[in-house]
Amino acid sequence: MEQLSPTDALREAISRVGSQSAMGRLVGVTQAAVWGWLKLNKPLPAEHVLLVERETGIPKEV
C-alpha cells in the first residue's frame, strides 16, 4: 500500500468499514466525532489505532 497521510488513512479506514457511523460504532464514539476528525484533519486518536488496524488492515505506520 502506498504511504497515506493520516487523514487519507482515516478516510480509507472509514471506507473499508462502510461509513462514518460504522467507524464510530467500531471505536465507541459518535458519527459526529468521526466527522470532526475528518473536518479538522485530525489523525485517528491513538487509543483506537490498533483496533482499526486489526479490523481494516490499514497499517498504523502512516
PDB file of N, CA and C in Angstrom:
ATOM      1  N   MET A   1       0.842  -1.179   0.000  1.00  0.00           N
ATOM      2  CA  MET A   1       0.000   0.000   0.000  1.00  0.00           C
ATOM      3  C   MET A   1       0.884   1.238   0.000  1.00  0.00           C
ATOM      4  N   GLU A   2       0.509   2.227  -0.794  1.00  0.00           N
ATOM      5  CA  GLU A   2       1.273   3.464  -0.819  1.00  0.00           C
ATOM      6  C   GLU A   2       1.147   4.188   0.510  1.00  0.00           C
ATOM      7  N   GLN A   3       2.101   5.055   0.793  1.00  0.00           N
ATOM      8  CA  GLN A   3       2.093   5.832   2.031  1.00  0.00           C
ATOM      9  C   GLN A   3       0.946   6.823   1.994  1.00  0.00           C
ATOM     10  N   LEU A   4       0.088   6.789   2.993  1.00  0.00           N
ATOM     11  CA  LEU A   4      -1.052   7.696   3.084  1.00  0.00           C
ATOM     12  C   LEU A   4      -0.802   8.723   4.174  1.00  0.00           C
ATOM     13  N   SER A   5      -1.389   9.897   4.002  1.00  0.00           N
ATOM     14  CA  SER A   5      -1.386  10.862   5.102  1.00  0.00           C
ATOM     15  C   SER A   5      -2.304  10.308   6.184  1.00  0.00           C
ATOM     16  N   PRO A   6      -2.172  10.765   7.423  1.00  0.00           N
ATOM     17  CA  PRO A   6      -3.076  10.281   8.470  1.00  0.00           C
ATOM     18  C   PRO A   6      -4.557  10.500   8.133  1.00  0.00           C
ATOM     19  N   THR A   7      -4.886  11.632   7.538  1.00  0.00           N
ATOM     20  CA  THR A   7      -6.278  11.894   7.167  1.00  0.00           C
ATOM     21  C   THR A   7      -6.733  10.956   6.060  1.00  0.00           C
ATOM     22  N   ASP A   8      -5.884  10.731   5.067  1.00  0.00           N
ATOM     23  CA  ASP A   8      -6.240   9.800   3.992  1.00  0.00           C
ATOM     24  C   ASP A   8      -6.376   8.373   4.516  1.00  0.00           C
ATOM     25  N   ALA A   9      -5.528   7.998   5.466  1.00  0.00           N
ATOM     26  CA  ALA A   9      -5.629   6.669   6.067  1.00  0.00           C
ATOM     27  C   ALA A   9      -6.951   6.530   6.813  1.00  0.00           C
ATOM     28  N   LEU A  10      -7.362   7.576   7.519  1.00  0.00           N
ATOM     29  CA  LEU A  10      -8.644   7.557   8.213  1.00  0.00           C
ATOM     30  C   LEU A  10      -9.784   7.440   7.210  1.00  0.00           C
ATOM     31  N   ARG A  11      -9.719   8.192   6.127  1.00  0.00           N
ATOM     32  CA  ARG A  11     -10.761   8.103   5.093  1.00  0.00           C
ATOM     33  C   ARG A  11     -10.837   6.684   4.509  1.00  0.00           C
ATOM     34  N   GLU A  12      -9.696   6.084   4.266  1.00  0.00           N
ATOM     35  CA  GLU A  12      -9.668   4.725   3.719  1.00  0.00           C
ATOM     36  C   GLU A  12     -10.245   3.727   4.727  1.00  0.00           C
ATOM     37  N   ALA A  13      -9.903   3.883   6.001  1.00  0.00           N
ATOM     38  CA  ALA A  13     -10.442   3.001   7.028  1.00  0.00           C
ATOM     39  C   ALA A  13     -11.964   3.137   7.109  1.00  0.00           C
ATOM     40  N   ILE A  14     -12.461   4.357   7.034  1.00  0.00           N
ATOM     41  CA  ILE A  14     -13.908   4.588   7.046  1.00  0.00           C
ATOM     42  C   ILE A  14     -14.550   3.909   5.849  1.00  0.00           C
ATOM     43  N   SER A  15     -13.920   4.039   4.706  1.00  0.00           N
ATOM     44  CA  SER A  15     -14.434   3.398   3.504  1.00  0.00           C
ATOM     45  C   SER A  15     -14.515   1.882   3.695  1.00  0.00           C
ATOM     46  N   ARG A  16     -13.505   1.305   4.304  1.00  0.00           N
ATOM     47  CA  ARG A  16     -13.466  -0.152   4.486  1.00  0.00           C
ATOM     48  C   ARG A  16     -14.515  -0.655   5.480  1.00  0.00           C
ATOM     49  N   VAL A  17     -14.858   0.164   6.475  1.00  0.00           N
ATOM     50  CA  VAL A  17     -15.892  -0.278   7.416  1.00  0.00           C
ATOM     51  C   VAL A  17     -17.288   0.120   6.940  1.00  0.00           C
ATOM     52  N   GLY A  18     -17.361   1.029   5.957  1.00  0.00           N
ATOM     53  CA  GLY A  18     -18.636   1.331   5.330  1.00  0.00           C
ATOM     54  C   GLY A  18     -19.169   2.728   5.501  1.00  0.00           C
ATOM     55  N   SER A  19     -18.892   3.361   6.625  1.00  0.00           N
ATOM     56  CA  SER A  19     -19.433   4.707   6.848  1.00  0.00           C
ATOM     57  C   SER A  19     -18.803   5.319   8.093  1.00  0.00           C
ATOM     58  N   GLN A  20     -19.025   6.621   8.263  1.00  0.00           N
ATOM     59  CA  GLN A  20     -18.575   7.284   9.485  1.00  0.00           C
ATOM     60  C   GLN A  20     -19.286   6.695  10.694  1.00  0.00           C
ATOM     61  N   SER A  21     -20.562   6.372  10.536  1.00  0.00           N
ATOM     62  CA  SER A  21     -21.324   5.770  11.644  1.00  0.00           C
ATOM     63  C   SER A  21     -20.737   4.418  12.027  1.00  0.00           C
ATOM     64  N   ALA A  22     -20.397   3.608  11.030  1.00  0.00           N
ATOM     65  CA  ALA A  22     -19.805   2.296  11.302  1.00  0.00           C
ATOM     66  C   ALA A  22     -18.455   2.447  12.003  1.00  0.00           C
ATOM     67  N   MET A  23     -17.668   3.431  11.597  1.00  0.00           N
ATOM     68  CA  MET A  23     -16.387   3.676  12.263  1.00  0.00           C
ATOM     69  C   MET A  23     -16.621   4.086  13.711  1.00  0.00           C
ATOM     70  N   GLY A  24     -17.591   4.953  13.918  1.00  0.00           N
ATOM     71  CA  GLY A  24     -17.915   5.363  15.277  1.00  0.00           C
ATOM     72  C   GLY A  24     -18.308   4.178  16.145  1.00  0.00           C
ATOM     73  N   ARG A  25     -19.152   3.304  15.618  1.00  0.00           N
ATOM     74  CA  ARG A  25     -19.552   2.114  16.370  1.00  0.00           C
ATOM     75  C   ARG A  25     -18.345   1.230  16.673  1.00  0.00           C
ATOM     76  N   LEU A  26     -17.458   1.089  15.695  1.00  0.00           N
ATOM     77  CA  LEU A  26     -16.269   0.256  15.880  1.00  0.00           C
ATOM     78  C   LEU A  26     -15.422   0.736  17.046  1.00  0.00           C
ATOM     79  N   VAL A  27     -15.218   2.044  17.129  1.00  0.00           N
ATOM     80  CA  VAL A  27     -14.310   2.580  18.150  1.00  0.00           C
ATOM     81  C   VAL A  27     -15.025   3.161  19.369  1.00  0.00           C
ATOM     82  N   GLY A  28     -16.360   3.157  19.341  1.00  0.00           N
ATOM     83  CA  GLY A  28     -17.100   3.598  20.523  1.00  0.00           C
ATOM     84  C   GLY A  28     -17.283   5.098  20.647  1.00  0.00           C
ATOM     85  N   VAL A  29     -17.392   5.779  19.505  1.00  0.00           N
ATOM     86  CA  VAL A  29     -17.658   7.218  19.510  1.00  0.00           C
ATOM     87  C   VAL A  29     -18.839   7.492  18.578  1.00  0.00           C
ATOM     88  N   THR A  30     -19.296   8.721  18.564  1.00  0.00           N
ATOM     89  CA  THR A  30     -20.401   9.088  17.686  1.00  0.00           C
ATOM     90  C   THR A  30     -19.908   9.324  16.265  1.00  0.00           C
ATOM     91  N   GLN A  31     -20.855   9.272  15.334  1.00  0.00           N
ATOM     92  CA  GLN A  31     -20.540   9.623  13.947  1.00  0.00           C
ATOM     93  C   GLN A  31     -20.035  11.053  13.887  1.00  0.00           C
ATOM     94  N   ALA A  32     -20.596  11.926  14.718  1.00  0.00           N
ATOM     95  CA  ALA A  32     -20.171  13.336  14.728  1.00  0.00           C
ATOM     96  C   ALA A  32     -18.700  13.468  15.128  1.00  0.00           C
ATOM     97  N   ALA A  33     -18.235  12.622  16.028  1.00  0.00           N
ATOM     98  CA  ALA A  33     -16.817  12.658  16.415  1.00  0.00           C
ATOM     99  C   ALA A  33     -15.939  12.270  15.231  1.00  0.00           C
ATOM    100  N   VAL A  34     -16.347  11.236  14.516  1.00  0.00           N
ATOM    101  CA  VAL A  34     -15.586  10.807  13.334  1.00  0.00           C
ATOM    102  C   VAL A  34     -15.581  11.928  12.302  1.00  0.00           C
ATOM    103  N   TRP A  35     -16.730  12.537  12.066  1.00  0.00           N
ATOM    104  CA  TRP A  35     -16.826  13.667  11.137  1.00  0.00           C
ATOM    105  C   TRP A  35     -15.872  14.778  11.554  1.00  0.00           C
ATOM    106  N   GLY A  36     -15.815  15.059  12.845  1.00  0.00           N
ATOM    107  CA  GLY A  36     -14.928  16.104  13.355  1.00  0.00           C
ATOM    108  C   GLY A  36     -13.465  15.810  13.088  1.00  0.00           C
ATOM    109  N   TRP A  37     -13.064  14.547  13.243  1.00  0.00           N
ATOM    110  CA  TRP A  37     -11.670  14.194  12.941  1.00  0.00           C
ATOM    111  C   TRP A  37     -11.355  14.525  11.495  1.00  0.00           C
ATOM    112  N   LEU A  38     -12.283  14.185  10.609  1.00  0.00           N
ATOM    113  CA  LEU A  38     -12.067  14.461   9.183  1.00  0.00           C
ATOM    114  C   LEU A  38     -12.079  15.952   8.900  1.00  0.00           C
ATOM    115  N   LYS A  39     -13.068  16.642   9.419  1.00  0.00           N
ATOM    116  CA  LYS A  39     -13.233  18.084   9.158  1.00  0.00           C
ATOM    117  C   LYS A  39     -12.010  18.869   9.619  1.00  0.00           C
ATOM    118  N   LEU A  40     -11.459  18.480  10.755  1.00  0.00           N
ATOM    119  CA  LEU A  40     -10.318  19.193  11.332  1.00  0.00           C
ATOM    120  C   LEU A  40      -8.973  18.587  10.922  1.00  0.00           C
ATOM    121  N   ASN A  41      -9.020  17.600   9.993  1.00  0.00           N
ATOM    122  CA  ASN A  41      -7.798  16.919   9.539  1.00  0.00           C
ATOM    123  C   ASN A  41      -6.991  16.345  10.693  1.00  0.00           C
ATOM    124  N   LYS A  42      -7.697  15.748  11.646  1.00  0.00           N
ATOM    125  CA  LYS A  42      -7.029  15.130  12.788  1.00  0.00           C
ATOM    126  C   LYS A  42      -6.786  13.652  12.489  1.00  0.00           C
ATOM    127  N   PRO A  43      -5.672  13.128  12.951  1.00  0.00           N
ATOM    128  CA  PRO A  43      -5.451  11.682  12.795  1.00  0.00           C
ATOM    129  C   PRO A  43      -6.361  10.919  13.746  1.00  0.00           C
ATOM    130  N   LEU A  44      -6.514   9.651  13.483  1.00  0.00           N
ATOM    131  CA  LEU A  44      -7.265   8.787  14.375  1.00  0.00           C
ATOM    132  C   LEU A  44      -6.611   8.838  15.754  1.00  0.00           C
ATOM    133  N   PRO A  45      -7.390   9.069  16.811  1.00  0.00           N
ATOM    134  CA  PRO A  45      -6.791   9.083  18.154  1.00  0.00           C
ATOM    135  C   PRO A  45      -6.060   7.775  18.455  1.00  0.00           C
ATOM    136  N   ALA A  46      -4.938   7.902  19.126  1.00  0.00           N
ATOM    137  CA  ALA A  46      -4.039   6.779  19.377  1.00  0.00           C
ATOM    138  C   ALA A  46      -4.723   5.589  20.035  1.00  0.00           C
ATOM    139  N   GLU A  47      -5.690   5.844  20.903  1.00  0.00           N
ATOM    140  CA  GLU A  47      -6.323   4.729  21.612  1.00  0.00           C
ATOM    141  C   GLU A  47      -7.149   3.829  20.694  1.00  0.00           C
ATOM    142  N   HIS A  48      -7.405   4.267  19.454  1.00  0.00           N
ATOM    143  CA  HIS A  48      -8.200   3.479  18.515  1.00  0.00           C
ATOM    144  C   HIS A  48      -7.370   2.829  17.403  1.00  0.00           C
ATOM    145  N   VAL A  49      -6.106   3.178  17.322  1.00  0.00           N
ATOM    146  CA  VAL A  49      -5.288   2.778  16.176  1.00  0.00           C
ATOM    147  C   VAL A  49      -5.172   1.267  16.017  1.00  0.00           C
ATOM    148  N   LEU A  50      -4.880   0.555  17.078  1.00  0.00           N
ATOM    149  CA  LEU A  50      -4.671  -0.896  16.949  1.00  0.00           C
ATOM    150  C   LEU A  50      -5.957  -1.618  16.557  1.00  0.00           C
ATOM    151  N   LEU A  51      -7.089  -1.211  17.110  1.00  0.00           N
ATOM    152  CA  LEU A  51      -8.363  -1.816  16.754  1.00  0.00           C
ATOM    153  C   LEU A  51      -8.684  -1.573  15.281  1.00  0.00           C
ATOM    154  N   VAL A  52      -8.502  -0.338  14.828  1.00  0.00           N
ATOM    155  CA  VAL A  52      -8.798  -0.009  13.430  1.00  0.00           C
ATOM    156  C   VAL A  52      -7.839  -0.736  12.499  1.00  0.00           C
ATOM    157  N   GLU A  53      -6.575  -0.835  12.877  1.00  0.00           N
ATOM    158  CA  GLU A  53      -5.616  -1.585  12.067  1.00  0.00           C
ATOM    159  C   GLU A  53      -6.058  -3.047  11.932  1.00  0.00           C
ATOM    160  N   ARG A  54      -6.434  -3.645  13.037  1.00  0.00           N
ATOM    161  CA  ARG A  54      -6.860  -5.053  13.029  1.00  0.00           C
ATOM    162  C   ARG A  54      -8.127  -5.248  12.188  1.00  0.00           C
ATOM    163  N   GLU A  55      -9.082  -4.337  12.282  1.00  0.00           N
ATOM    164  CA  GLU A  55     -10.364  -4.505  11.611  1.00  0.00           C
ATOM    165  C   GLU A  55     -10.366  -4.090  10.135  1.00  0.00           C
ATOM    166  N   THR A  56      -9.435  -3.213   9.747  1.00  0.00           N
ATOM    167  CA  THR A  56      -9.448  -2.697   8.379  1.00  0.00           C
ATOM    168  C   THR A  56      -8.228  -3.068   7.558  1.00  0.00           C
ATOM    169  N   GLY A  57      -7.135  -3.442   8.235  1.00  0.00           N
ATOM    170  CA  GLY A  57      -5.904  -3.728   7.516  1.00  0.00           C
ATOM    171  C   GLY A  57      -5.094  -2.489   7.170  1.00  0.00           C
ATOM    172  N   ILE A  58      -5.567  -1.312   7.578  1.00  0.00           N
ATOM    173  CA  ILE A  58      -4.804  -0.078   7.355  1.00  0.00           C
ATOM    174  C   ILE A  58      -3.682  -0.050   8.390  1.00  0.00           C
ATOM    175  N   PRO A  59      -2.419  -0.047   7.952  1.00  0.00           N
ATOM    176  CA  PRO A  59      -1.316  -0.092   8.931  1.00  0.00           C
ATOM    177  C   PRO A  59      -1.233   1.161   9.760  1.00  0.00           C
ATOM    178  N   LYS A  60      -0.800   0.998  10.993  1.00  0.00           N
ATOM    179  CA  LYS A  60      -0.682   2.140  11.901  1.00  0.00           C
ATOM    180  C   LYS A  60       0.470   3.067  11.534  1.00  0.00           C
ATOM    181  N   GLU A  61       1.392   2.588  10.738  1.00  0.00           N
ATOM    182  CA  GLU A  61       2.545   3.408  10.347  1.00  0.00           C
ATOM    183  C   GLU A  61       2.234   4.186   9.078  1.00  0.00           C
ATOM    184  N   VAL A  62       1.482   5.263   9.235  1.00  0.00           N
ATOM    185  CA  VAL A  62       1.189   6.106   8.060  1.00  0.00           C
ATOM    186  C   VAL A  62       1.850   7.441   8.219  1.00  0.00           C
TER     187      VAL A  62
END
